[in-house]
Amino acid sequence: MTANYYLSTGARELLLQIAQDEEGPFTMIIANGCCDGTAPYLYRDVTPEPNWQLVLQDDLVSVYTGNLGPDVPGMDVLIDALPAVSDSFSLESDYGYRFVVRLLARN
């Protein structure tokens, strides 16, 4: 059983705000990073690597896991947005937020 990926209301609202100011398309990558572990990174107009797996696609964003992304079979993965001070390369840091991954056990 594979993981299901979802955007929280807060994450969707933040993406809508970013889309008003920035030109897409937007790509979010969830993979092991140098500093934030599995923190999602939002980029503009990124070409996916061959080893990335598309886990969520909607009108705002395409979400991929990298080759070292979280392997969470049987879980729901909620992408949320939290207020944060960050100097990340991710687009949402300019808005005072950070995307985070929340793992939710299925009932």
PDB file of N, CA and C in Angstrom:
ATOM      1  N   MET A   1       0.853  -1.180   0.000  1.00  0.00           N
ATOM      2  CA  MET A   1       0.000   0.000   0.000  1.00  0.00           C
ATOM      3  C   MET A   1       0.897   1.241   0.000  1.00  0.00           C
ATOM      4  N   THR A   2       0.700   2.107  -0.942  1.00  0.00           N
ATOM      5  CA  THR A   2       1.530   3.305  -1.047  1.00  0.00           C
ATOM      6  C   THR A   2       0.943   4.459  -0.248  1.00  0.00           C
ATOM      7  N   ALA A   3       1.765   5.459  -0.030  1.00  0.00           N
ATOM      8  CA  ALA A   3       1.330   6.649   0.708  1.00  0.00           C
ATOM      9  C   ALA A   3       0.417   7.507  -0.166  1.00  0.00           C
ATOM     10  N   ASN A   4      -0.537   8.173   0.461  1.00  0.00           N
ATOM     11  CA  ASN A   4      -1.381   9.169  -0.197  1.00  0.00           C
ATOM     12  C   ASN A   4      -0.896  10.548   0.220  1.00  0.00           C
ATOM     13  N   TYR A   5      -0.799  11.456  -0.728  1.00  0.00           N
ATOM     14  CA  TYR A   5      -0.299  12.807  -0.470  1.00  0.00           C
ATOM     15  C   TYR A   5      -1.429  13.814  -0.624  1.00  0.00           C
ATOM     16  N   TYR A   6      -1.486  14.788   0.312  1.00  0.00           N
ATOM     17  CA  TYR A   6      -2.529  15.809   0.321  1.00  0.00           C
ATOM     18  C   TYR A   6      -1.926  17.164   0.670  1.00  0.00           C
ATOM     19  N   LEU A   7      -2.591  18.229   0.248  1.00  0.00           N
ATOM     20  CA  LEU A   7      -2.244  19.589   0.666  1.00  0.00           C
ATOM     21  C   LEU A   7      -3.240  20.039   1.724  1.00  0.00           C
ATOM     22  N   SER A   8      -2.740  20.625   2.811  1.00  0.00           N
ATOM     23  CA  SER A   8      -3.642  21.195   3.810  1.00  0.00           C
ATOM     24  C   SER A   8      -4.261  22.468   3.245  1.00  0.00           C
ATOM     25  N   THR A   9      -5.297  22.950   3.907  1.00  0.00           N
ATOM     26  CA  THR A   9      -5.917  24.216   3.508  1.00  0.00           C
ATOM     27  C   THR A   9      -4.895  25.344   3.565  1.00  0.00           C
ATOM     28  N   GLY A  10      -4.079  25.367   4.619  1.00  0.00           N
ATOM     29  CA  GLY A  10      -3.057  26.407   4.752  1.00  0.00           C
ATOM     30  C   GLY A  10      -2.018  26.350   3.646  1.00  0.00           C
ATOM     31  N   ALA A  11      -1.594  25.147   3.273  1.00  0.00           N
ATOM     32  CA  ALA A  11      -0.618  24.996   2.189  1.00  0.00           C
ATOM     33  C   ALA A  11      -1.216  25.453   0.864  1.00  0.00           C
ATOM     34  N   ARG A  12      -2.470  25.093   0.621  1.00  0.00           N
ATOM     35  CA  ARG A  12      -3.139  25.502  -0.626  1.00  0.00           C
ATOM     36  C   ARG A  12      -3.292  27.021  -0.682  1.00  0.00           C
ATOM     37  N   GLU A  13      -3.674  27.642   0.435  1.00  0.00           N
ATOM     38  CA  GLU A  13      -3.811  29.103   0.464  1.00  0.00           C
ATOM     39  C   GLU A  13      -2.472  29.785   0.220  1.00  0.00           C
ATOM     40  N   LEU A  14      -1.404  29.247   0.791  1.00  0.00           N
ATOM     41  CA  LEU A  14      -0.072  29.809   0.561  1.00  0.00           C
ATOM     42  C   LEU A  14       0.330  29.651  -0.901  1.00  0.00           C
ATOM     43  N   LEU A  15       0.063  28.501  -1.492  1.00  0.00           N
ATOM     44  CA  LEU A  15       0.359  28.304  -2.911  1.00  0.00           C
ATOM     45  C   LEU A  15      -0.424  29.278  -3.784  1.00  0.00           C
ATOM     46  N   LEU A  16      -1.682  29.527  -3.443  1.00  0.00           N
ATOM     47  CA  LEU A  16      -2.478  30.505  -4.196  1.00  0.00           C
ATOM     48  C   LEU A  16      -1.867  31.899  -4.100  1.00  0.00           C
ATOM     49  N   GLN A  17      -1.400  32.264  -2.919  1.00  0.00           N
ATOM     50  CA  GLN A  17      -0.761  33.573  -2.736  1.00  0.00           C
ATOM     51  C   GLN A  17       0.529  33.668  -3.554  1.00  0.00           C
ATOM     52  N   ILE A  18       1.331  32.619  -3.520  1.00  0.00           N
ATOM     53  CA  ILE A  18       2.572  32.611  -4.298  1.00  0.00           C
ATOM     54  C   ILE A  18       2.257  32.694  -5.789  1.00  0.00           C
ATOM     55  N   ALA A  19       1.226  31.970  -6.239  1.00  0.00           N
ATOM     56  CA  ALA A  19       0.856  31.965  -7.657  1.00  0.00           C
ATOM     57  C   ALA A  19       0.376  33.331  -8.137  1.00  0.00           C
ATOM     58  N   GLN A  20      -0.151  34.156  -7.235  1.00  0.00           N
ATOM     59  CA  GLN A  20      -0.553  35.513  -7.615  1.00  0.00           C
ATOM     60  C   GLN A  20       0.661  36.395  -7.886  1.00  0.00           C
ATOM     61  N   ASP A  21       1.770  36.108  -7.207  1.00  0.00           N
ATOM     62  CA  ASP A  21       2.969  36.939  -7.312  1.00  0.00           C
ATOM     63  C   ASP A  21       4.033  36.380  -8.243  1.00  0.00           C
ATOM     64  N   GLU A  22       4.050  35.085  -8.411  1.00  0.00           N
ATOM     65  CA  GLU A  22       5.096  34.408  -9.180  1.00  0.00           C
ATOM     66  C   GLU A  22       4.467  33.695 -10.369  1.00  0.00           C
ATOM     67  N   GLU A  23       5.235  33.551 -11.411  1.00  0.00           N
ATOM     68  CA  GLU A  23       4.769  32.814 -12.580  1.00  0.00           C
ATOM     69  C   GLU A  23       5.184  31.358 -12.456  1.00  0.00           C
ATOM     70  N   GLY A  24       4.236  30.442 -12.642  1.00  0.00           N
ATOM     71  CA  GLY A  24       4.507  29.006 -12.545  1.00  0.00           C
ATOM     72  C   GLY A  24       4.993  28.447 -13.857  1.00  0.00           C
ATOM     73  N   PRO A  25       5.019  27.169 -13.999  1.00  0.00           N
ATOM     74  CA  PRO A  25       4.470  26.162 -13.102  1.00  0.00           C
ATOM     75  C   PRO A  25       5.348  25.966 -11.867  1.00  0.00           C
ATOM     76  N   PHE A  26       4.749  25.388 -10.815  1.00  0.00           N
ATOM     77  CA  PHE A  26       5.460  25.159  -9.568  1.00  0.00           C
ATOM     78  C   PHE A  26       5.683  23.670  -9.358  1.00  0.00           C
ATOM     79  N   THR A  27       6.847  23.361  -8.833  1.00  0.00           N
ATOM     80  CA  THR A  27       7.218  21.989  -8.529  1.00  0.00           C
ATOM     81  C   THR A  27       7.677  21.927  -7.086  1.00  0.00           C
ATOM     82  N   MET A  28       7.147  20.975  -6.338  1.00  0.00           N
ATOM     83  CA  MET A  28       7.580  20.751  -4.964  1.00  0.00           C
ATOM     84  C   MET A  28       8.322  19.422  -4.927  1.00  0.00           C
ATOM     85  N   ILE A  29       9.464  19.434  -4.266  1.00  0.00           N
ATOM     86  CA  ILE A  29      10.286  18.238  -4.169  1.00  0.00           C
ATOM     87  C   ILE A  29      10.419  17.865  -2.704  1.00  0.00           C
ATOM     88  N   ILE A  30      10.114  16.615  -2.386  1.00  0.00           N
ATOM     89  CA  ILE A  30      10.307  16.089  -1.037  1.00  0.00           C
ATOM     90  C   ILE A  30      11.407  15.041  -1.134  1.00  0.00           C
ATOM     91  N   ALA A  31      12.555  15.342  -0.562  1.00  0.00           N
ATOM     92  CA  ALA A  31      13.691  14.425  -0.605  1.00  0.00           C
ATOM     93  C   ALA A  31      14.625  14.764   0.542  1.00  0.00           C
ATOM     94  N   ASN A  32      15.543  13.880   0.824  1.00  0.00           N
ATOM     95  CA  ASN A  32      16.520  14.172   1.864  1.00  0.00           C
ATOM     96  C   ASN A  32      17.397  15.315   1.402  1.00  0.00           C
ATOM     97  N   GLY A  33      17.390  16.394   2.153  1.00  0.00           N
ATOM     98  CA  GLY A  33      18.191  17.564   1.819  1.00  0.00           C
ATOM     99  C   GLY A  33      19.381  17.681   2.738  1.00  0.00           C
ATOM    100  N   CYS A  34      20.207  18.656   2.477  1.00  0.00           N
ATOM    101  CA  CYS A  34      21.415  18.817   3.277  1.00  0.00           C
ATOM    102  C   CYS A  34      21.111  19.302   4.682  1.00  0.00           C
ATOM    103  N   CYS A  35      20.067  20.077   4.857  1.00  0.00           N
ATOM    104  CA  CYS A  35      19.819  20.714   6.154  1.00  0.00           C
ATOM    105  C   CYS A  35      18.478  20.355   6.766  1.00  0.00           C
ATOM    106  N   ASP A  36      17.444  20.244   5.966  1.00  0.00           N
ATOM    107  CA  ASP A  36      16.091  20.096   6.487  1.00  0.00           C
ATOM    108  C   ASP A  36      15.534  18.688   6.392  1.00  0.00           C
ATOM    109  N   GLY A  37      16.342  17.724   6.058  1.00  0.00           N
ATOM    110  CA  GLY A  37      15.832  16.363   5.951  1.00  0.00           C
ATOM    111  C   GLY A  37      14.807  16.243   4.859  1.00  0.00           C
ATOM    112  N   THR A  38      13.588  15.911   5.221  1.00  0.00           N
ATOM    113  CA  THR A  38      12.548  15.690   4.218  1.00  0.00           C
ATOM    114  C   THR A  38      11.640  16.901   4.027  1.00  0.00           C
ATOM    115  N   ALA A  39      12.084  18.077   4.381  1.00  0.00           N
ATOM    116  CA  ALA A  39      11.273  19.283   4.190  1.00  0.00           C
ATOM    117  C   ALA A  39      11.002  19.486   2.702  1.00  0.00           C
ATOM    118  N   PRO A  40       9.758  19.794   2.338  1.00  0.00           N
ATOM    119  CA  PRO A  40       9.452  20.057   0.933  1.00  0.00           C
ATOM    120  C   PRO A  40      10.075  21.380   0.471  1.00  0.00           C
ATOM    121  N   TYR A  41      10.544  21.397  -0.754  1.00  0.00           N
ATOM    122  CA  TYR A  41      11.068  22.621  -1.359  1.00  0.00           C
ATOM    123  C   TYR A  41      10.218  22.957  -2.572  1.00  0.00           C
ATOM    124  N   LEU A  42       9.797  24.208  -2.659  1.00  0.00           N
ATOM    125  CA  LEU A  42       8.969  24.670  -3.764  1.00  0.00           C
ATOM    126  C   LEU A  42       9.826  25.483  -4.723  1.00  0.00           C
ATOM    127  N   TYR A  43       9.775  25.106  -5.990  1.00  0.00           N
ATOM    128  CA  TYR A  43      10.543  25.789  -7.024  1.00  0.00           C
ATOM    129  C   TYR A  43       9.617  26.170  -8.171  1.00  0.00           C
ATOM    130  N   ARG A  44      10.104  27.052  -8.983  1.00  0.00           N
ATOM    131  CA  ARG A  44       9.381  27.491 -10.168  1.00  0.00           C
ATOM    132  C   ARG A  44      10.034  26.845 -11.387  1.00  0.00           C
ATOM    133  N   ASP A  45       9.210  26.205 -12.209  1.00  0.00           N
ATOM    134  CA  ASP A  45       9.647  25.704 -13.510  1.00  0.00           C
ATOM    135  C   ASP A  45      10.879  24.802 -13.431  1.00  0.00           C
ATOM    136  N   VAL A  46      10.770  23.707 -12.701  1.00  0.00           N
ATOM    137  CA  VAL A  46      11.852  22.733 -12.569  1.00  0.00           C
ATOM    138  C   VAL A  46      11.515  21.514 -13.417  1.00  0.00           C
ATOM    139  N   THR A  47      12.492  21.012 -14.137  1.00  0.00           N
ATOM    140  CA  THR A  47      12.313  19.784 -14.901  1.00  0.00           C
ATOM    141  C   THR A  47      12.614  18.604 -13.987  1.00  0.00           C
ATOM    142  N   PRO A  48      11.671  17.682 -13.829  1.00  0.00           N
ATOM    143  CA  PRO A  48      11.892  16.549 -12.925  1.00  0.00           C
ATOM    144  C   PRO A  48      13.050  15.666 -13.382  1.00  0.00           C
ATOM    145  N   GLU A  49      13.774  15.140 -12.418  1.00  0.00           N
ATOM    146  CA  GLU A  49      14.825  14.161 -12.690  1.00  0.00           C
ATOM    147  C   GLU A  49      14.157  12.819 -13.001  1.00  0.00           C
ATOM    148  N   PRO A  50      14.830  11.961 -13.760  1.00  0.00           N
ATOM    149  CA  PRO A  50      14.221  10.672 -14.113  1.00  0.00           C
ATOM    150  C   PRO A  50      13.873   9.797 -12.905  1.00  0.00           C
ATOM    151  N   ASN A  51      14.598   9.947 -11.804  1.00  0.00           N
ATOM    152  CA  ASN A  51      14.353   9.096 -10.640  1.00  0.00           C
ATOM    153  C   ASN A  51      13.325   9.678  -9.668  1.00  0.00           C
ATOM    154  N   TRP A  52      12.748  10.833  -9.962  1.00  0.00           N
ATOM    155  CA  TRP A  52      11.714  11.418  -9.110  1.00  0.00           C
ATOM    156  C   TRP A  52      10.382  10.736  -9.390  1.00  0.00           C
ATOM    157  N   GLN A  53       9.584  10.580  -8.350  1.00  0.00           N
ATOM    158  CA  GLN A  53       8.266   9.967  -8.489  1.00  0.00           C
ATOM    159  C   GLN A  53       7.195  11.027  -8.251  1.00  0.00           C
ATOM    160  N   LEU A  54       6.290  11.190  -9.214  1.00  0.00           N
ATOM    161  CA  LEU A  54       5.171  12.118  -9.068  1.00  0.00           C
ATOM    162  C   LEU A  54       4.171  11.520  -8.081  1.00  0.00           C
ATOM    163  N   VAL A  55       3.906  12.249  -6.978  1.00  0.00           N
ATOM    164  CA  VAL A  55       3.005  11.732  -5.947  1.00  0.00           C
ATOM    165  C   VAL A  55       1.729  12.560  -5.811  1.00  0.00           C
ATOM    166  N   LEU A  56       1.718  13.773  -6.352  1.00  0.00           N
ATOM    167  CA  LEU A  56       0.529  14.629  -6.285  1.00  0.00           C
ATOM    168  C   LEU A  56       0.621  15.665  -7.393  1.00  0.00           C
ATOM    169  N   GLN A  57      -0.468  15.835  -8.111  1.00  0.00           N
ATOM    170  CA  GLN A  57      -0.509  16.874  -9.136  1.00  0.00           C
ATOM    171  C   GLN A  57      -1.895  17.493  -9.136  1.00  0.00           C
ATOM    172  N   ASP A  58      -1.924  18.820  -9.078  1.00  0.00           N
ATOM    173  CA  ASP A  58      -3.192  19.531  -9.198  1.00  0.00           C
ATOM    174  C   ASP A  58      -2.959  20.809  -9.977  1.00  0.00           C
ATOM    175  N   ASP A  59      -3.915  21.715  -9.940  1.00  0.00           N
ATOM    176  CA  ASP A  59      -3.822  22.929 -10.739  1.00  0.00           C
ATOM    177  C   ASP A  59      -2.749  23.894 -10.251  1.00  0.00           C
ATOM    178  N   LEU A  60      -2.237  23.719  -9.036  1.00  0.00           N
ATOM    179  CA  LEU A  60      -1.243  24.641  -8.485  1.00  0.00           C
ATOM    180  C   LEU A  60       0.181  24.112  -8.515  1.00  0.00           C
ATOM    181  N   VAL A  61       0.345  22.814  -8.308  1.00  0.00           N
ATOM    182  CA  VAL A  61       1.692  22.298  -8.082  1.00  0.00           C
ATOM    183  C   VAL A  61       1.779  20.826  -8.469  1.00  0.00           C
ATOM    184  N   SER A  62       2.978  20.432  -8.885  1.00  0.00           N
ATOM    185  CA  SER A  62       3.314  19.020  -9.051  1.00  0.00           C
ATOM    186  C   SER A  62       4.269  18.669  -7.920  1.00  0.00           C
ATOM    187  N   VAL A  63       3.969  17.604  -7.185  1.00  0.00           N
ATOM    188  CA  VAL A  63       4.789  17.204  -6.044  1.00  0.00           C
ATOM    189  C   VAL A  63       5.491  15.896  -6.382  1.00  0.00           C
ATOM    190  N   TYR A  64       6.810  15.899  -6.192  1.00  0.00           N
ATOM    191  CA  TYR A  64       7.631  14.726  -6.466  1.00  0.00           C
ATOM    192  C   TYR A  64       8.397  14.327  -5.217  1.00  0.00           C
ATOM    193  N   THR A  65       8.656  13.029  -5.089  1.00  0.00           N
ATOM    194  CA  THR A  65       9.625  12.579  -4.101  1.00  0.00           C
ATOM    195  C   THR A  65      10.884  12.206  -4.864  1.00  0.00           C
ATOM    196  N   GLY A  66      12.016  12.565  -4.292  1.00  0.00           N
ATOM    197  CA  GLY A  66      13.294  12.218  -4.886  1.00  0.00           C
ATOM    198  C   GLY A  66      13.655  10.787  -4.551  1.00  0.00           C
ATOM    199  N   ASN A  67      14.804  10.367  -5.048  1.00  0.00           N
ATOM    200  CA  ASN A  67      15.215   8.985  -4.828  1.00  0.00           C
ATOM    201  C   ASN A  67      15.430   8.665  -3.354  1.00  0.00           C
ATOM    202  N   LEU A  68      15.610   9.668  -2.522  1.00  0.00           N
ATOM    203  CA  LEU A  68      15.775   9.447  -1.090  1.00  0.00           C
ATOM    204  C   LEU A  68      14.599   9.993  -0.300  1.00  0.00           C
ATOM    205  N   GLY A  69      13.489  10.247  -0.973  1.00  0.00           N
ATOM    206  CA  GLY A  69      12.317  10.801  -0.304  1.00  0.00           C
ATOM    207  C   GLY A  69      11.726   9.824   0.691  1.00  0.00           C
ATOM    208  N   PRO A  70      10.786  10.284   1.486  1.00  0.00           N
ATOM    209  CA  PRO A  70      10.229   9.438   2.534  1.00  0.00           C
ATOM    210  C   PRO A  70       9.463   8.245   1.978  1.00  0.00           C
ATOM    211  N   ASP A  71       9.774   7.061   2.475  1.00  0.00           N
ATOM    212  CA  ASP A  71       9.069   5.846   2.109  1.00  0.00           C
ATOM    213  C   ASP A  71       8.098   5.545   3.240  1.00  0.00           C
ATOM    214  N   VAL A  72       6.843   5.863   3.031  1.00  0.00           N
ATOM    215  CA  VAL A  72       5.859   5.778   4.110  1.00  0.00           C
ATOM    216  C   VAL A  72       4.621   5.005   3.654  1.00  0.00           C
ATOM    217  N   PRO A  73       4.778   3.742   3.277  1.00  0.00           N
ATOM    218  CA  PRO A  73       3.615   2.987   2.830  1.00  0.00           C
ATOM    219  C   PRO A  73       2.576   2.877   3.938  1.00  0.00           C
ATOM    220  N   GLY A  74       1.305   2.963   3.551  1.00  0.00           N
ATOM    221  CA  GLY A  74       0.219   2.845   4.507  1.00  0.00           C
ATOM    222  C   GLY A  74      -0.040   4.099   5.319  1.00  0.00           C
ATOM    223  N   MET A  75       0.630   5.191   4.993  1.00  0.00           N
ATOM    224  CA  MET A  75       0.448   6.452   5.712  1.00  0.00           C
ATOM    225  C   MET A  75      -0.140   7.487   4.757  1.00  0.00           C
ATOM    226  N   ASP A  76      -0.751   8.506   5.326  1.00  0.00           N
ATOM    227  CA  ASP A  76      -1.133   9.688   4.567  1.00  0.00           C
ATOM    228  C   ASP A  76      -0.083  10.750   4.821  1.00  0.00           C
ATOM    229  N   VAL A  77       0.326  11.437   3.782  1.00  0.00           N
ATOM    230  CA  VAL A  77       1.328  12.490   3.887  1.00  0.00           C
ATOM    231  C   VAL A  77       0.624  13.816   3.626  1.00  0.00           C
ATOM    232  N   LEU A  78       0.552  14.640   4.652  1.00  0.00           N
ATOM    233  CA  LEU A  78      -0.084  15.945   4.551  1.00  0.00           C
ATOM    234  C   LEU A  78       1.001  17.001   4.420  1.00  0.00           C
ATOM    235  N   ILE A  79       0.940  17.788   3.361  1.00  0.00           N
ATOM    236  CA  ILE A  79       1.859  18.905   3.180  1.00  0.00           C
ATOM    237  C   ILE A  79       1.166  20.126   3.755  1.00  0.00           C
ATOM    238  N   ASP A  80       1.786  20.720   4.764  1.00  0.00           N
ATOM    239  CA  ASP A  80       1.195  21.823   5.503  1.00  0.00           C
ATOM    240  C   ASP A  80       2.117  23.031   5.406  1.00  0.00           C
ATOM    241  N   ALA A  81       1.662  24.175   5.879  1.00  0.00           N
ATOM    242  CA  ALA A  81       2.466  25.403   5.898  1.00  0.00           C
ATOM    243  C   ALA A  81       2.425  25.979   7.305  1.00  0.00           C
ATOM    244  N   LEU A  82       3.596  26.334   7.816  1.00  0.00           N
ATOM    245  CA  LEU A  82       3.720  26.912   9.152  1.00  0.00           C
ATOM    246  C   LEU A  82       4.481  28.221   9.078  1.00  0.00           C
ATOM    247  N   PRO A  83       4.120  29.190   9.928  1.00  0.00           N
ATOM    248  CA  PRO A  83       4.916  30.419   9.991  1.00  0.00           C
ATOM    249  C   PRO A  83       6.339  30.072  10.417  1.00  0.00           C
ATOM    250  N   ALA A  84       7.311  30.673   9.756  1.00  0.00           N
ATOM    251  CA  ALA A  84       8.708  30.383  10.086  1.00  0.00           C
ATOM    252  C   ALA A  84       9.607  31.478   9.545  1.00  0.00           C
ATOM    253  N   VAL A  85      10.716  31.656  10.201  1.00  0.00           N
ATOM    254  CA  VAL A  85      11.773  32.513   9.678  1.00  0.00           C
ATOM    255  C   VAL A  85      12.762  31.570   9.020  1.00  0.00           C
ATOM    256  N   SER A  86      13.000  31.766   7.748  1.00  0.00           N
ATOM    257  CA  SER A  86      13.841  30.829   7.023  1.00  0.00           C
ATOM    258  C   SER A  86      14.610  31.549   5.935  1.00  0.00           C
ATOM    259  N   ASP A  87      15.806  31.055   5.676  1.00  0.00           N
ATOM    260  CA  ASP A  87      16.590  31.563   4.555  1.00  0.00           C
ATOM    261  C   ASP A  87      16.696  30.485   3.483  1.00  0.00           C
ATOM    262  N   SER A  88      15.667  29.691   3.376  1.00  0.00           N
ATOM    263  CA  SER A  88      15.622  28.573   2.457  1.00  0.00           C
ATOM    264  C   SER A  88      15.594  29.057   1.008  1.00  0.00           C
ATOM    265  N   PHE A  89      15.966  28.171   0.109  1.00  0.00           N
ATOM    266  CA  PHE A  89      15.845  28.440  -1.322  1.00  0.00           C
ATOM    267  C   PHE A  89      14.409  28.252  -1.798  1.00  0.00           C
ATOM    268  N   SER A  90      13.562  27.715  -0.955  1.00  0.00           N
ATOM    269  CA  SER A  90      12.184  27.428  -1.311  1.00  0.00           C
ATOM    270  C   SER A  90      11.380  28.726  -1.408  1.00  0.00           C
ATOM    271  N   LEU A  91      10.478  28.817  -2.381  1.00  0.00           N
ATOM    272  CA  LEU A  91       9.759  30.059  -2.670  1.00  0.00           C
ATOM    273  C   LEU A  91       8.941  30.590  -1.498  1.00  0.00           C
ATOM    274  N   GLU A  92       8.395  29.722  -0.660  1.00  0.00           N
ATOM    275  CA  GLU A  92       7.518  30.190   0.414  1.00  0.00           C
ATOM    276  C   GLU A  92       8.254  30.926   1.521  1.00  0.00           C
ATOM    277  N   SER A  93       9.575  30.793   1.599  1.00  0.00           N
ATOM    278  CA  SER A  93      10.322  31.473   2.668  1.00  0.00           C
ATOM    279  C   SER A  93      10.216  32.990   2.543  1.00  0.00           C
ATOM    280  N   ASP A  94      10.030  33.507   1.337  1.00  0.00           N
ATOM    281  CA  ASP A  94       9.845  34.953   1.145  1.00  0.00           C
ATOM    282  C   ASP A  94       8.522  35.447   1.732  1.00  0.00           C
ATOM    283  N   TYR A  95       7.612  34.528   2.039  1.00  0.00           N
ATOM    284  CA  TYR A  95       6.299  34.871   2.587  1.00  0.00           C
ATOM    285  C   TYR A  95       6.222  34.626   4.097  1.00  0.00           C
ATOM    286  N   GLY A  96       7.353  34.248   4.702  1.00  0.00           N
ATOM    287  CA  GLY A  96       7.386  34.003   6.141  1.00  0.00           C
ATOM    288  C   GLY A  96       6.809  32.662   6.551  1.00  0.00           C
ATOM    289  N   TYR A  97       6.785  31.715   5.614  1.00  0.00           N
ATOM    290  CA  TYR A  97       6.250  30.384   5.894  1.00  0.00           C
ATOM    291  C   TYR A  97       7.235  29.322   5.451  1.00  0.00           C
ATOM    292  N   ARG A  98       6.971  28.119   5.918  1.00  0.00           N
ATOM    293  CA  ARG A  98       7.754  26.956   5.519  1.00  0.00           C
ATOM    294  C   ARG A  98       6.794  25.798   5.314  1.00  0.00           C
ATOM    295  N   PHE A  99       6.926  25.103   4.189  1.00  0.00           N
ATOM    296  CA  PHE A  99       6.153  23.885   3.994  1.00  0.00           C
ATOM    297  C   PHE A  99       6.757  22.777   4.847  1.00  0.00           C
ATOM    298  N   VAL A 100       5.902  21.964   5.425  1.00  0.00           N
ATOM    299  CA  VAL A 100       6.336  20.835   6.246  1.00  0.00           C
ATOM    300  C   VAL A 100       5.532  19.601   5.859  1.00  0.00           C
ATOM    301  N   VAL A 101       6.087  18.448   6.173  1.00  0.00           N
ATOM    302  CA  VAL A 101       5.426  17.171   5.930  1.00  0.00           C
ATOM    303  C   VAL A 101       4.924  16.633   7.261  1.00  0.00           C
ATOM    304  N   ARG A 102       3.665  16.240   7.276  1.00  0.00           N
ATOM    305  CA  ARG A 102       3.080  15.596   8.464  1.00  0.00           C
ATOM    306  C   ARG A 102       2.638  14.189   8.053  1.00  0.00           C
ATOM    307  N   LEU A 103       3.109  13.198   8.776  1.00  0.00           N
ATOM    308  CA  LEU A 103       2.718  11.818   8.515  1.00  0.00           C
ATOM    309  C   LEU A 103       1.517  11.473   9.386  1.00  0.00           C
ATOM    310  N   LEU A 104       0.466  10.976   8.759  1.00  0.00           N
ATOM    311  CA  LEU A 104      -0.771  10.649   9.465  1.00  0.00           C
ATOM    312  C   LEU A 104      -1.077   9.168   9.284  1.00  0.00           C
ATOM    313  N   ALA A 105      -1.286   8.480  10.384  1.00  0.00           N
ATOM    314  CA  ALA A 105      -1.638   7.062  10.314  1.00  0.00           C
ATOM    315  C   ALA A 105      -3.050   6.918   9.765  1.00  0.00           C
ATOM    316  N   ARG A 106      -3.234   5.939   8.914  1.00  0.00           N
ATOM    317  CA  ARG A 106      -4.570   5.663   8.388  1.00  0.00           C
ATOM    318  C   ARG A 106      -5.357   4.868   9.410  1.00  0.00           C
ATOM    319  N   ASN A 107      -6.641   5.114   9.448  1.00  0.00           N
ATOM    320  CA  ASN A 107      -7.519   4.364  10.374  1.00  0.00           C
ATOM    321  C   ASN A 107      -7.888   3.024   9.804  1.00  0.00           C
TER     322      ASN A 107
END
